[in-house]
Amino acid sequence: MKTLLKNLVADQSGASAAEYALILAVVGAGIAVAAAALGTAISTRIDSAATLITPIK
C-alpha cells in the first residue's frame, strides 16, 4: 500500500494535461481581450464615419 501511494505521488503524467489546460486558458483570455478591443475600435470608427455623412434631403 505504501508503494502504491508513493507511486501516485511521484506520477506526473497528468501534469502535461494540466499545463496544456493552463496554456489554453491563457490563450483564450488573450483572444477574448483582443476581440473586445477590436470591437471597440471598429465601433468607434463606424461612429466617427457616421457623423461625417450628411443626410440627403
Protein backbone atom coordinates (compact mmCIF):
# COMPACT_ATOMS: atom_id res chain seq x y z
CA MET A 1 0.00 0.00 0.00
CA LYS A 2 2.83 2.42 0.78
CA THR A 3 4.39 1.70 -2.59
CA LEU A 4 1.12 2.49 -4.35
CA LEU A 5 0.81 5.84 -2.58
CA LYS A 6 4.43 6.70 -3.31
CA ASN A 7 3.88 5.89 -6.97
CA LEU A 8 0.74 8.03 -7.12
CA VAL A 9 2.52 10.99 -5.55
CA ALA A 10 5.53 10.64 -7.84
CA ASP A 11 3.42 10.15 -11.01
CA GLN A 12 3.49 13.28 -13.17
CA SER A 13 1.67 12.04 -16.26
CA GLY A 14 -1.32 14.26 -15.50
CA ALA A 15 0.92 17.32 -15.24
CA SER A 16 1.09 17.66 -19.01
CA ALA A 17 -2.70 17.82 -19.32
CA ALA A 18 -2.87 20.46 -16.60
CA GLU A 19 -0.17 22.52 -18.31
CA TYR A 20 -1.97 22.35 -21.64
CA ALA A 21 -5.21 23.41 -19.96
CA LEU A 22 -3.46 26.38 -18.37
CA ILE A 23 -1.93 27.42 -21.70
CA LEU A 24 -5.33 27.10 -23.37
CA ALA A 25 -6.94 29.26 -20.70
CA VAL A 26 -4.29 31.99 -21.08
CA VAL A 27 -4.56 31.96 -24.88
CA GLY A 28 -8.35 32.04 -24.67
CA ALA A 29 -8.29 35.01 -22.31
CA GLY A 30 -5.91 36.83 -24.65
CA ILE A 31 -8.21 36.22 -27.62
CA ALA A 32 -11.20 37.49 -25.63
CA VAL A 33 -9.38 40.69 -24.65
CA ALA A 34 -8.20 41.26 -28.23
CA ALA A 35 -11.70 40.69 -29.61
CA ALA A 36 -13.19 43.17 -27.15
CA ALA A 37 -10.58 45.80 -28.04
CA LEU A 38 -11.12 45.23 -31.76
CA GLY A 39 -14.88 45.53 -31.36
CA THR A 40 -14.50 48.83 -29.54
CA ALA A 41 -12.12 50.16 -32.19
CA ILE A 42 -14.46 49.19 -35.02
CA SER A 43 -17.44 50.74 -33.24
CA THR A 44 -15.52 53.98 -32.70
CA ARG A 45 -14.52 54.17 -36.38
CA ILE A 46 -18.07 53.50 -37.59
CA ASP A 47 -19.46 56.15 -35.26
CA SER A 48 -16.94 58.73 -36.47
CA ALA A 49 -17.67 57.85 -40.09
CA ALA A 50 -21.41 58.16 -39.48
CA THR A 51 -21.00 61.71 -38.16
CA LEU A 52 -19.21 62.71 -41.36
CA ILE A 53 -22.03 61.52 -43.62
CA THR A 54 -24.64 64.19 -44.22
CA PRO A 55 -28.21 63.05 -44.73
CA ILE A 56 -29.74 63.60 -48.18
CA LYS A 57 -32.96 65.65 -48.05
